[in-house]
Full PDB file with SEQRES, HELIX, SHEET, SSBOND, CRYST1, ORIGX, SCALE, CONECT and MASTER records, all heavy atoms in Angstrom:
SEQRES   1 A   38  ALA GLN MET CYS VAL GLY HIS LEU LYS LEU LEU PRO HIS          
SEQRES   2 A   38  ASP GLN VAL ALA MET PRO TYR GLN TRP GLU TYR PRO TYR          
SEQRES   3 A   38  LEU LEU SER ILE LEU PRO SER LEU MET GLY LEU LEU              
HELIX    1 AA1 GLN A    2  LEU A    8  1                                   7    
HELIX    2 AA2 GLU A   23  TYR A   26  1                                   4    
HELIX    3 AA3 LEU A   27  SER A   29  5                                   3    
HELIX    4 AA4 ILE A   30  LEU A   37  1                                   8    
CRYST1    1.000    1.000    1.000  90.00  90.00  90.00 P 1           1          
ORIGX1      1.000000  0.000000  0.000000        0.00000                         
ORIGX2      0.000000  1.000000  0.000000        0.00000                         
ORIGX3      0.000000  0.000000  1.000000        0.00000                         
SCALE1      1.000000  0.000000  0.000000        0.00000                         
SCALE2      0.000000  1.000000  0.000000        0.00000                         
SCALE3      0.000000  0.000000  1.000000        0.00000                         
ATOM      1  N   ALA A   1     -47.195  29.526 108.768  1.00  0.00           N  
ATOM      2  CA  ALA A   1     -47.268  30.263 110.088  1.00  0.00           C  
ATOM      3  C   ALA A   1     -46.907  31.688 109.863  1.00  0.00           C  
ATOM      4  O   ALA A   1     -47.500  32.625 110.474  1.00  0.00           O  
ATOM      5  CB  ALA A   1     -46.381  29.573 111.152  1.00  0.00           C  
ATOM      6  N   GLN A   2     -45.815  31.867 109.084  1.00  0.00           N  
ATOM      7  CA  GLN A   2     -45.350  33.281 108.821  1.00  0.00           C  
ATOM      8  C   GLN A   2     -46.433  34.048 108.119  1.00  0.00           C  
ATOM      9  O   GLN A   2     -46.776  35.175 108.391  1.00  0.00           O  
ATOM     10  CB  GLN A   2     -44.071  33.249 108.028  1.00  0.00           C  
ATOM     11  CG  GLN A   2     -43.482  34.644 107.841  1.00  0.00           C  
ATOM     12  CD  GLN A   2     -43.105  34.885 106.314  1.00  0.00           C  
ATOM     13  OE1 GLN A   2     -43.125  34.036 105.577  1.00  0.00           O  
ATOM     14  NE2 GLN A   2     -42.747  36.147 106.096  1.00  0.00           N  
ATOM     15  N   MET A   3     -47.047  33.452 107.195  1.00  0.00           N  
ATOM     16  CA  MET A   3     -48.114  34.116 106.380  1.00  0.00           C  
ATOM     17  C   MET A   3     -49.369  34.467 107.282  1.00  0.00           C  
ATOM     18  O   MET A   3     -49.893  35.523 107.220  1.00  0.00           O  
ATOM     19  CB  MET A   3     -48.565  33.309 105.175  1.00  0.00           C  
ATOM     20  CG  MET A   3     -47.480  33.124 104.193  1.00  0.00           C  
ATOM     21  SD  MET A   3     -47.974  32.156 102.787  1.00  0.00           S  
ATOM     22  CE  MET A   3     -48.705  33.388 101.798  1.00  0.00           C  
ATOM     23  N   CYS A   4     -49.752  33.494 108.142  1.00  0.00           N  
ATOM     24  CA  CYS A   4     -50.890  33.687 109.045  1.00  0.00           C  
ATOM     25  C   CYS A   4     -50.569  34.930 110.040  1.00  0.00           C  
ATOM     26  O   CYS A   4     -51.335  35.702 110.232  1.00  0.00           O  
ATOM     27  CB  CYS A   4     -51.196  32.485 109.772  1.00  0.00           C  
ATOM     28  SG  CYS A   4     -51.956  31.320 108.716  1.00  0.00           S  
ATOM     29  N   VAL A   5     -49.278  34.815 110.608  1.00  0.00           N  
ATOM     30  CA  VAL A   5     -48.997  35.824 111.576  1.00  0.00           C  
ATOM     31  C   VAL A   5     -48.887  37.252 110.880  1.00  0.00           C  
ATOM     32  O   VAL A   5     -49.317  38.208 111.442  1.00  0.00           O  
ATOM     33  CB  VAL A   5     -47.602  35.456 112.244  1.00  0.00           C  
ATOM     34  CG1 VAL A   5     -47.050  36.647 112.951  1.00  0.00           C  
ATOM     35  CG2 VAL A   5     -47.753  34.237 113.200  1.00  0.00           C  
ATOM     36  N   GLY A   6     -48.300  37.190 109.671  1.00  0.00           N  
ATOM     37  CA  GLY A   6     -48.216  38.492 108.964  1.00  0.00           C  
ATOM     38  C   GLY A   6     -49.585  39.072 108.620  1.00  0.00           C  
ATOM     39  O   GLY A   6     -49.785  40.319 108.691  1.00  0.00           O  
ATOM     40  N   HIS A   7     -50.475  38.266 108.059  1.00  0.00           N  
ATOM     41  CA  HIS A   7     -51.772  38.714 107.568  1.00  0.00           C  
ATOM     42  C   HIS A   7     -52.706  39.075 108.680  1.00  0.00           C  
ATOM     43  O   HIS A   7     -53.567  39.928 108.637  1.00  0.00           O  
ATOM     44  CB  HIS A   7     -52.358  37.830 106.567  1.00  0.00           C  
ATOM     45  CG  HIS A   7     -51.698  37.913 105.252  1.00  0.00           C  
ATOM     46  ND1 HIS A   7     -51.888  39.007 104.395  1.00  0.00           N  
ATOM     47  CD2 HIS A   7     -50.983  37.032 104.519  1.00  0.00           C  
ATOM     48  CE1 HIS A   7     -51.193  38.758 103.356  1.00  0.00           C  
ATOM     49  NE2 HIS A   7     -50.649  37.563 103.387  1.00  0.00           N  
ATOM     50  N   LEU A   8     -52.735  38.205 109.698  1.00  0.00           N  
ATOM     51  CA  LEU A   8     -53.659  38.418 110.936  1.00  0.00           C  
ATOM     52  C   LEU A   8     -53.075  39.419 111.869  1.00  0.00           C  
ATOM     53  O   LEU A   8     -53.714  39.636 112.861  1.00  0.00           O  
ATOM     54  CB  LEU A   8     -53.867  37.035 111.531  1.00  0.00           C  
ATOM     55  CG  LEU A   8     -54.562  35.969 110.732  1.00  0.00           C  
ATOM     56  CD1 LEU A   8     -54.629  34.738 111.444  1.00  0.00           C  
ATOM     57  CD2 LEU A   8     -55.859  36.452 110.150  1.00  0.00           C  
ATOM     58  N   LYS A   9     -51.892  39.860 111.618  1.00  0.00           N  
ATOM     59  CA  LYS A   9     -51.204  40.857 112.464  1.00  0.00           C  
ATOM     60  C   LYS A   9     -51.169  40.485 113.967  1.00  0.00           C  
ATOM     61  O   LYS A   9     -51.517  41.214 114.890  1.00  0.00           O  
ATOM     62  CB  LYS A   9     -51.999  42.225 112.417  1.00  0.00           C  
ATOM     63  CG  LYS A   9     -51.894  42.802 110.938  1.00  0.00           C  
ATOM     64  CD  LYS A   9     -52.591  44.113 110.878  1.00  0.00           C  
ATOM     65  CE  LYS A   9     -52.347  44.744 109.485  1.00  0.00           C  
ATOM     66  NZ  LYS A   9     -53.324  44.502 108.485  1.00  0.00           N  
ATOM     67  N   LEU A  10     -50.778  39.167 114.134  1.00  0.00           N  
ATOM     68  CA  LEU A  10     -50.679  38.649 115.512  1.00  0.00           C  
ATOM     69  C   LEU A  10     -49.396  39.253 116.227  1.00  0.00           C  
ATOM     70  O   LEU A  10     -49.432  39.269 117.412  1.00  0.00           O  
ATOM     71  CB  LEU A  10     -50.631  37.121 115.451  1.00  0.00           C  
ATOM     72  CG  LEU A  10     -51.790  36.389 114.844  1.00  0.00           C  
ATOM     73  CD1 LEU A  10     -51.621  34.894 114.697  1.00  0.00           C  
ATOM     74  CD2 LEU A  10     -53.050  36.713 115.733  1.00  0.00           C  
ATOM     75  N   LEU A  11     -48.421  39.554 115.405  1.00  0.00           N  
ATOM     76  CA  LEU A  11     -47.202  40.186 115.883  1.00  0.00           C  
ATOM     77  C   LEU A  11     -46.934  41.383 115.097  1.00  0.00           C  
ATOM     78  O   LEU A  11     -47.365  41.500 113.908  1.00  0.00           O  
ATOM     79  CB  LEU A  11     -46.026  39.213 115.814  1.00  0.00           C  
ATOM     80  CG  LEU A  11     -46.065  38.035 116.702  1.00  0.00           C  
ATOM     81  CD1 LEU A  11     -44.860  37.036 116.418  1.00  0.00           C  
ATOM     82  CD2 LEU A  11     -45.963  38.393 118.149  1.00  0.00           C  
ATOM     83  N   PRO A  12     -46.240  42.416 115.636  1.00  0.00           N  
ATOM     84  CA  PRO A  12     -45.900  43.639 114.834  1.00  0.00           C  
ATOM     85  C   PRO A  12     -45.081  43.281 113.688  1.00  0.00           C  
ATOM     86  O   PRO A  12     -44.286  42.300 113.594  1.00  0.00           O  
ATOM     87  CB  PRO A  12     -45.224  44.509 115.809  1.00  0.00           C  
ATOM     88  CG  PRO A  12     -45.082  43.767 117.130  1.00  0.00           C  
ATOM     89  CD  PRO A  12     -45.737  42.528 116.954  1.00  0.00           C  
ATOM     90  N   HIS A  13     -45.216  44.164 112.632  1.00  0.00           N  
ATOM     91  CA  HIS A  13     -44.458  43.909 111.302  1.00  0.00           C  
ATOM     92  C   HIS A  13     -42.955  44.048 111.480  1.00  0.00           C  
ATOM     93  O   HIS A  13     -42.193  43.458 110.645  1.00  0.00           O  
ATOM     94  CB  HIS A  13     -45.010  44.796 110.260  1.00  0.00           C  
ATOM     95  CG  HIS A  13     -46.301  44.477 109.724  1.00  0.00           C  
ATOM     96  ND1 HIS A  13     -46.484  43.210 109.051  1.00  0.00           N  
ATOM     97  CD2 HIS A  13     -47.464  45.031 109.729  1.00  0.00           C  
ATOM     98  CE1 HIS A  13     -47.786  43.134 108.700  1.00  0.00           C  
ATOM     99  NE2 HIS A  13     -48.375  44.254 109.140  1.00  0.00           N  
ATOM    100  N   ASP A  14     -42.489  44.623 112.525  1.00  0.00           N  
ATOM    101  CA  ASP A  14     -41.051  44.624 112.815  1.00  0.00           C  
ATOM    102  C   ASP A  14     -40.492  43.318 113.324  1.00  0.00           C  
ATOM    103  O   ASP A  14     -39.357  43.144 113.301  1.00  0.00           O  
ATOM    104  CB  ASP A  14     -40.681  45.855 113.679  1.00  0.00           C  
ATOM    105  CG  ASP A  14     -41.284  45.834 115.061  1.00  0.00           C  
ATOM    106  OD1 ASP A  14     -42.265  45.108 115.234  1.00  0.00           O  
ATOM    107  OD2 ASP A  14     -40.792  46.508 115.889  1.00  0.00           O  
ATOM    108  N   GLN A  15     -41.410  42.519 113.789  1.00  0.00           N  
ATOM    109  CA  GLN A  15     -40.993  41.127 114.246  1.00  0.00           C  
ATOM    110  C   GLN A  15     -41.146  40.104 113.191  1.00  0.00           C  
ATOM    111  O   GLN A  15     -40.408  39.228 113.043  1.00  0.00           O  
ATOM    112  CB  GLN A  15     -41.746  40.798 115.532  1.00  0.00           C  
ATOM    113  CG  GLN A  15     -41.190  41.439 116.774  1.00  0.00           C  
ATOM    114  CD  GLN A  15     -41.642  40.624 117.960  1.00  0.00           C  
ATOM    115  OE1 GLN A  15     -42.718  39.996 118.044  1.00  0.00           O  
ATOM    116  NE2 GLN A  15     -40.767  40.724 119.090  1.00  0.00           N  
ATOM    117  N   VAL A  16     -42.269  40.178 112.523  1.00  0.00           N  
ATOM    118  CA  VAL A  16     -42.539  39.161 111.454  1.00  0.00           C  
ATOM    119  C   VAL A  16     -43.072  39.958 110.160  1.00  0.00           C  
ATOM    120  O   VAL A  16     -44.149  40.595 110.249  1.00  0.00           O  
ATOM    121  CB  VAL A  16     -43.598  38.100 111.830  1.00  0.00           C  
ATOM    122  CG1 VAL A  16     -43.857  37.211 110.702  1.00  0.00           C  
ATOM    123  CG2 VAL A  16     -43.079  37.297 113.024  1.00  0.00           C  
ATOM    124  N   ALA A  17     -42.245  39.938 109.152  1.00  0.00           N  
ATOM    125  CA  ALA A  17     -42.563  40.726 108.001  1.00  0.00           C  
ATOM    126  C   ALA A  17     -43.629  40.095 107.216  1.00  0.00           C  
ATOM    127  O   ALA A  17     -43.920  38.880 107.314  1.00  0.00           O  
ATOM    128  CB  ALA A  17     -41.307  40.752 107.008  1.00  0.00           C  
ATOM    129  N   MET A  18     -44.375  40.850 106.341  1.00  0.00           N  
ATOM    130  CA  MET A  18     -45.368  40.356 105.411  1.00  0.00           C  
ATOM    131  C   MET A  18     -44.645  39.409 104.430  1.00  0.00           C  
ATOM    132  O   MET A  18     -43.474  39.553 104.116  1.00  0.00           O  
ATOM    133  CB  MET A  18     -45.997  41.450 104.707  1.00  0.00           C  
ATOM    134  CG  MET A  18     -46.977  42.298 105.506  1.00  0.00           C  
ATOM    135  SD  MET A  18     -48.335  41.373 106.110  1.00  0.00           S  
ATOM    136  CE  MET A  18     -49.354  41.079 104.671  1.00  0.00           C  
ATOM    137  N   PRO A  19     -45.323  38.287 103.922  1.00  0.00           N  
ATOM    138  CA  PRO A  19     -44.691  37.363 103.128  1.00  0.00           C  
ATOM    139  C   PRO A  19     -44.353  37.926 101.736  1.00  0.00           C  
ATOM    140  O   PRO A  19     -44.898  38.945 101.200  1.00  0.00           O  
ATOM    141  CB  PRO A  19     -45.749  36.316 102.854  1.00  0.00           C  
ATOM    142  CG  PRO A  19     -46.938  36.785 103.525  1.00  0.00           C  
ATOM    143  CD  PRO A  19     -46.694  38.044 104.308  1.00  0.00           C  
ATOM    144  N   TYR A  20     -43.327  37.390 101.129  1.00  0.00           N  
ATOM    145  CA  TYR A  20     -43.005  37.764  99.727  1.00  0.00           C  
ATOM    146  C   TYR A  20     -43.985  37.165  98.761  1.00  0.00           C  
ATOM    147  O   TYR A  20     -44.650  36.164  99.118  1.00  0.00           O  
ATOM    148  CB  TYR A  20     -41.555  37.228  99.371  1.00  0.00           C  
ATOM    149  CG  TYR A  20     -40.466  38.053 100.135  1.00  0.00           C  
ATOM    150  CD1 TYR A  20     -39.850  37.447 101.284  1.00  0.00           C  
ATOM    151  CD2 TYR A  20     -40.016  39.246  99.678  1.00  0.00           C  
ATOM    152  CE1 TYR A  20     -38.878  38.126 101.965  1.00  0.00           C  
ATOM    153  CE2 TYR A  20     -39.018  39.890 100.324  1.00  0.00           C  
ATOM    154  CZ  TYR A  20     -38.457  39.394 101.504  1.00  0.00           C  
ATOM    155  OH  TYR A  20     -37.484  40.051 102.135  1.00  0.00           O  
ATOM    156  N   GLN A  21     -43.976  37.671  97.474  1.00  0.00           N  
ATOM    157  CA  GLN A  21     -44.954  37.203  96.490  1.00  0.00           C  
ATOM    158  C   GLN A  21     -44.818  35.692  96.232  1.00  0.00           C  
ATOM    159  O   GLN A  21     -45.831  35.002  95.860  1.00  0.00           O  
ATOM    160  CB  GLN A  21     -44.964  38.008  95.262  1.00  0.00           C  
ATOM    161  CG  GLN A  21     -45.373  39.429  95.475  1.00  0.00           C  
ATOM    162  CD  GLN A  21     -46.769  39.493  95.960  1.00  0.00           C  
ATOM    163  OE1 GLN A  21     -47.663  38.918  95.278  1.00  0.00           O  
ATOM    164  NE2 GLN A  21     -47.060  40.188  96.899  1.00  0.00           N  
ATOM    165  N   TRP A  22     -43.623  35.240  96.171  1.00  0.00           N  
ATOM    166  CA  TRP A  22     -43.390  33.782  95.826  1.00  0.00           C  
ATOM    167  C   TRP A  22     -43.939  32.760  96.785  1.00  0.00           C  
ATOM    168  O   TRP A  22     -44.160  31.694  96.481  1.00  0.00           O  
ATOM    169  CB  TRP A  22     -41.884  33.530  95.575  1.00  0.00           C  
ATOM    170  CG  TRP A  22     -41.032  33.597  96.839  1.00  0.00           C  
ATOM    171  CD1 TRP A  22     -40.482  34.645  97.355  1.00  0.00           C  
ATOM    172  CD2 TRP A  22     -40.795  32.465  97.776  1.00  0.00           C  
ATOM    173  NE1 TRP A  22     -39.792  34.325  98.550  1.00  0.00           N  
ATOM    174  CE2 TRP A  22     -39.944  32.963  98.744  1.00  0.00           C  
ATOM    175  CE3 TRP A  22     -41.126  31.116  97.769  1.00  0.00           C  
ATOM    176  CZ2 TRP A  22     -39.536  32.176  99.864  1.00  0.00           C  
ATOM    177  CZ3 TRP A  22     -40.701  30.337  98.840  1.00  0.00           C  
ATOM    178  CH2 TRP A  22     -39.911  30.834  99.857  1.00  0.00           C  
ATOM    179  N   GLU A  23     -44.201  33.199  97.899  1.00  0.00           N  
ATOM    180  CA  GLU A  23     -44.657  32.287  99.059  1.00  0.00           C  
ATOM    181  C   GLU A  23     -46.116  31.823  98.815  1.00  0.00           C  
ATOM    182  O   GLU A  23     -46.507  30.744  99.185  1.00  0.00           O  
ATOM    183  CB  GLU A  23     -44.562  32.973 100.439  1.00  0.00           C  
ATOM    184  CG  GLU A  23     -43.127  33.196 100.874  1.00  0.00           C  
ATOM    185  CD  GLU A  23     -42.961  33.868 102.186  1.00  0.00           C  
ATOM    186  OE1 GLU A  23     -43.545  33.283 103.175  1.00  0.00           O  
ATOM    187  OE2 GLU A  23     -42.446  35.023 102.241  1.00  0.00           O  
ATOM    188  N   TYR A  24     -46.912  32.729  98.155  1.00  0.00           N  
ATOM    189  CA  TYR A  24     -48.273  32.345  97.847  1.00  0.00           C  
ATOM    190  C   TYR A  24     -48.391  31.116  96.885  1.00  0.00           C  
ATOM    191  O   TYR A  24     -49.106  30.156  97.249  1.00  0.00           O  
ATOM    192  CB  TYR A  24     -49.088  33.527  97.277  1.00  0.00           C  
ATOM    193  CG  TYR A  24     -49.109  34.648  98.330  1.00  0.00           C  
ATOM    194  CD1 TYR A  24     -48.338  35.802  98.219  1.00  0.00           C  
ATOM    195  CD2 TYR A  24     -49.870  34.591  99.420  1.00  0.00           C  
ATOM    196  CE1 TYR A  24     -48.352  36.884  99.100  1.00  0.00           C  
ATOM    197  CE2 TYR A  24     -49.925  35.577 100.438  1.00  0.00           C  
ATOM    198  CZ  TYR A  24     -49.232  36.738 100.220  1.00  0.00           C  
ATOM    199  OH  TYR A  24     -49.199  37.770 101.167  1.00  0.00           O  
ATOM    200  N   PRO A  25     -47.766  31.128  95.800  1.00  0.00           N  
ATOM    201  CA  PRO A  25     -47.835  29.925  94.860  1.00  0.00           C  
ATOM    202  C   PRO A  25     -47.130  28.668  95.504  1.00  0.00           C  
ATOM    203  O   PRO A  25     -47.497  27.580  95.228  1.00  0.00           O  
ATOM    204  CB  PRO A  25     -47.212  30.362  93.524  1.00  0.00           C  
ATOM    205  CG  PRO A  25     -46.411  31.604  93.872  1.00  0.00           C  
ATOM    206  CD  PRO A  25     -47.130  32.245  95.056  1.00  0.00           C  
ATOM    207  N   TYR A  26     -46.087  29.043  96.398  1.00  0.00           N  
ATOM    208  CA  TYR A  26     -45.420  27.846  97.030  1.00  0.00           C  
ATOM    209  C   TYR A  26     -46.336  27.054  97.921  1.00  0.00           C  
ATOM    210  O   TYR A  26     -46.098  25.922  98.182  1.00  0.00           O  
ATOM    211  CB  TYR A  26     -44.176  28.334  97.743  1.00  0.00           C  
ATOM    212  CG  TYR A  26     -43.290  27.225  98.232  1.00  0.00           C  
ATOM    213  CD1 TYR A  26     -42.509  26.575  97.445  1.00  0.00           C  
ATOM    214  CD2 TYR A  26     -43.401  26.829  99.647  1.00  0.00           C  
ATOM    215  CE1 TYR A  26     -41.755  25.489  97.879  1.00  0.00           C  
ATOM    216  CE2 TYR A  26     -42.663  25.767 100.061  1.00  0.00           C  
ATOM    217  CZ  TYR A  26     -41.857  25.108  99.184  1.00  0.00           C  
ATOM    218  OH  TYR A  26     -41.052  24.095  99.698  1.00  0.00           O  
ATOM    219  N   LEU A  27     -47.391  27.667  98.433  1.00  0.00           N  
ATOM    220  CA  LEU A  27     -48.309  27.003  99.275  1.00  0.00           C  
ATOM    221  C   LEU A  27     -48.959  25.819  98.568  1.00  0.00           C  
ATOM    222  O   LEU A  27     -49.348  24.836  99.190  1.00  0.00           O  
ATOM    223  CB  LEU A  27     -49.429  27.883  99.809  1.00  0.00           C  
ATOM    224  CG  LEU A  27     -48.917  28.942 100.867  1.00  0.00           C  
ATOM    225  CD1 LEU A  27     -50.143  29.808 101.226  1.00  0.00           C  
ATOM    226  CD2 LEU A  27     -48.304  28.270 102.026  1.00  0.00           C  
ATOM    227  N   LEU A  28     -49.065  25.839  97.249  1.00  0.00           N  
ATOM    228  CA  LEU A  28     -49.576  24.860  96.449  1.00  0.00           C  
ATOM    229  C   LEU A  28     -48.726  23.591  96.360  1.00  0.00           C  
ATOM    230  O   LEU A  28     -49.004  22.451  95.972  1.00  0.00           O  
ATOM    231  CB  LEU A  28     -49.968  25.227  95.033  1.00  0.00           C  
ATOM    232  CG  LEU A  28     -51.088  26.227  94.949  1.00  0.00           C  
ATOM    233  CD1 LEU A  28     -51.201  26.770  93.488  1.00  0.00           C  
ATOM    234  CD2 LEU A  28     -52.380  25.733  95.432  1.00  0.00           C  
ATOM    235  N   SER A  29     -47.411  23.798  96.923  1.00  0.00           N  
ATOM    236  CA  SER A  29     -46.406  22.634  96.732  1.00  0.00           C  
ATOM    237  C   SER A  29     -46.764  21.610  97.737  1.00  0.00           C  
ATOM    238  O   SER A  29     -46.151  20.474  97.580  1.00  0.00           O  
ATOM    239  CB  SER A  29     -45.005  23.190  97.162  1.00  0.00           C  
ATOM    240  OG  SER A  29     -45.019  23.575  98.565  1.00  0.00           O  
ATOM    241  N   ILE A  30     -47.737  21.598  98.530  1.00  0.00           N  
ATOM    242  CA  ILE A  30     -48.126  20.496  99.455  1.00  0.00           C  
ATOM    243  C   ILE A  30     -48.858  19.457  98.594  1.00  0.00           C  
ATOM    244  O   ILE A  30     -48.765  18.251  98.867  1.00  0.00           O  
ATOM    245  CB  ILE A  30     -48.908  21.039 100.635  1.00  0.00           C  
ATOM    246  CG1 ILE A  30     -48.975  19.992 101.771  1.00  0.00           C  
ATOM    247  CG2 ILE A  30     -50.407  21.365 100.257  1.00  0.00           C  
ATOM    248  CD1 ILE A  30     -47.699  19.897 102.443  1.00  0.00           C  
ATOM    249  N   LEU A  31     -49.513  19.899  97.569  1.00  0.00           N  
ATOM    250  CA  LEU A  31     -50.322  18.951  96.730  1.00  0.00           C  
ATOM    251  C   LEU A  31     -49.463  17.899  96.046  1.00  0.00           C  
ATOM    252  O   LEU A  31     -49.786  16.721  96.160  1.00  0.00           O  
ATOM    253  CB  LEU A  31     -51.134  19.749  95.670  1.00  0.00           C  
ATOM    254  CG  LEU A  31     -52.181  20.685  96.276  1.00  0.00           C  
ATOM    255  CD1 LEU A  31     -52.814  21.471  95.153  1.00  0.00           C  
ATOM    256  CD2 LEU A  31     -53.136  19.960  97.134  1.00  0.00           C  
ATOM    257  N   PRO A  32     -48.295  18.234  95.477  1.00  0.00           N  
ATOM    258  CA  PRO A  32     -47.449  17.201  94.809  1.00  0.00           C  
ATOM    259  C   PRO A  32     -46.960  16.257  95.828  1.00  0.00           C  
ATOM    260  O   PRO A  32     -46.814  14.977  95.545  1.00  0.00           O  
ATOM    261  CB  PRO A  32     -46.296  18.016  94.209  1.00  0.00           C  
ATOM    262  CG  PRO A  32     -46.743  19.355  93.999  1.00  0.00           C  
ATOM    263  CD  PRO A  32     -47.849  19.616  95.061  1.00  0.00           C  
ATOM    264  N   SER A  33     -46.630  16.710  97.008  1.00  0.00           N  
ATOM    265  CA  SER A  33     -46.105  15.796  98.106  1.00  0.00           C  
ATOM    266  C   SER A  33     -47.188  14.781  98.563  1.00  0.00           C  
ATOM    267  O   SER A  33     -46.958  13.622  98.687  1.00  0.00           O  
ATOM    268  CB  SER A  33     -45.659  16.575  99.286  1.00  0.00           C  
ATOM    269  OG  SER A  33     -44.586  17.351  98.983  1.00  0.00           O  
ATOM    270  N   LEU A  34     -48.446  15.316  98.627  1.00  0.00           N  
ATOM    271  CA  LEU A  34     -49.558  14.421  98.977  1.00  0.00           C  
ATOM    272  C   LEU A  34     -49.790  13.356  97.944  1.00  0.00           C  
ATOM    273  O   LEU A  34     -50.060  12.168  98.192  1.00  0.00           O  
ATOM    274  CB  LEU A  34     -50.749  15.183  99.365  1.00  0.00           C  
ATOM    275  CG  LEU A  34     -50.632  16.054 100.592  1.00  0.00           C  
ATOM    276  CD1 LEU A  34     -51.961  16.911 100.742  1.00  0.00           C  
ATOM    277  CD2 LEU A  34     -50.387  15.266 101.841  1.00  0.00           C  
ATOM    278  N   MET A  35     -49.705  13.844  96.692  1.00  0.00           N  
ATOM    279  CA  MET A  35     -49.868  12.952  95.593  1.00  0.00           C  
ATOM    280  C   MET A  35     -48.793  11.877  95.507  1.00  0.00           C  
ATOM    281  O   MET A  35     -49.058  10.667  95.188  1.00  0.00           O  
ATOM    282  CB  MET A  35     -49.930  13.687  94.204  1.00  0.00           C  
ATOM    283  CG  MET A  35     -50.535  12.891  93.062  1.00  0.00           C  
ATOM    284  SD  MET A  35     -50.693  13.923  91.638  1.00  0.00           S  
ATOM    285  CE  MET A  35     -51.845  15.176  92.292  1.00  0.00           C  
ATOM    286  N   GLY A  36     -47.578  12.191  95.858  1.00  0.00           N  
ATOM    287  CA  GLY A  36     -46.479  11.288  95.947  1.00  0.00           C  
ATOM    288  C   GLY A  36     -46.796  10.271  96.997  1.00  0.00           C  
ATOM    289  O   GLY A  36     -46.542   9.054  96.813  1.00  0.00           O  
ATOM    290  N   LEU A  37     -47.290  10.691  98.145  1.00  0.00           N  
ATOM    291  CA  LEU A  37     -47.593   9.760  99.238  1.00  0.00           C  
ATOM    292  C   LEU A  37     -48.727   8.821  98.779  1.00  0.00           C  
ATOM    293  O   LEU A  37     -48.689   7.660  99.140  1.00  0.00           O  
ATOM    294  CB  LEU A  37     -48.006  10.473 100.510  1.00  0.00           C  
ATOM    295  CG  LEU A  37     -46.928  11.109 101.244  1.00  0.00           C  
ATOM    296  CD1 LEU A  37     -47.466  11.850 102.448  1.00  0.00           C  
ATOM    297  CD2 LEU A  37     -45.871  10.153 101.844  1.00  0.00           C  
ATOM    298  N   LEU A  38     -49.676   9.297  97.990  1.00  0.00           N  
ATOM    299  CA  LEU A  38     -50.731   8.440  97.514  1.00  0.00           C  
ATOM    300  C   LEU A  38     -50.251   7.380  96.547  1.00  0.00           C  
ATOM    301  O   LEU A  38     -50.973   6.360  96.332  1.00  0.00           O  
ATOM    302  CB  LEU A  38     -51.855   9.319  96.911  1.00  0.00           C  
ATOM    303  CG  LEU A  38     -52.700  10.144  97.841  1.00  0.00           C  
ATOM    304  CD1 LEU A  38     -53.610  11.050  97.000  1.00  0.00           C  
ATOM    305  CD2 LEU A  38     -53.452   9.178  98.802  1.00  0.00           C  
TER     306      LEU A  38                                                      
MASTER        0    0    0    4    0    0    0    6  305    1    0    3          
END                                                                             
């Protein structure tokens, strides 16, 4: 949600900052969790 709000400029940058670089690869962290559930 933070990344979408930051990139789509839904709120001004003084309210929601652009994401840090580490957040992009962290988005892949959903895959191991789904694999664990499987």
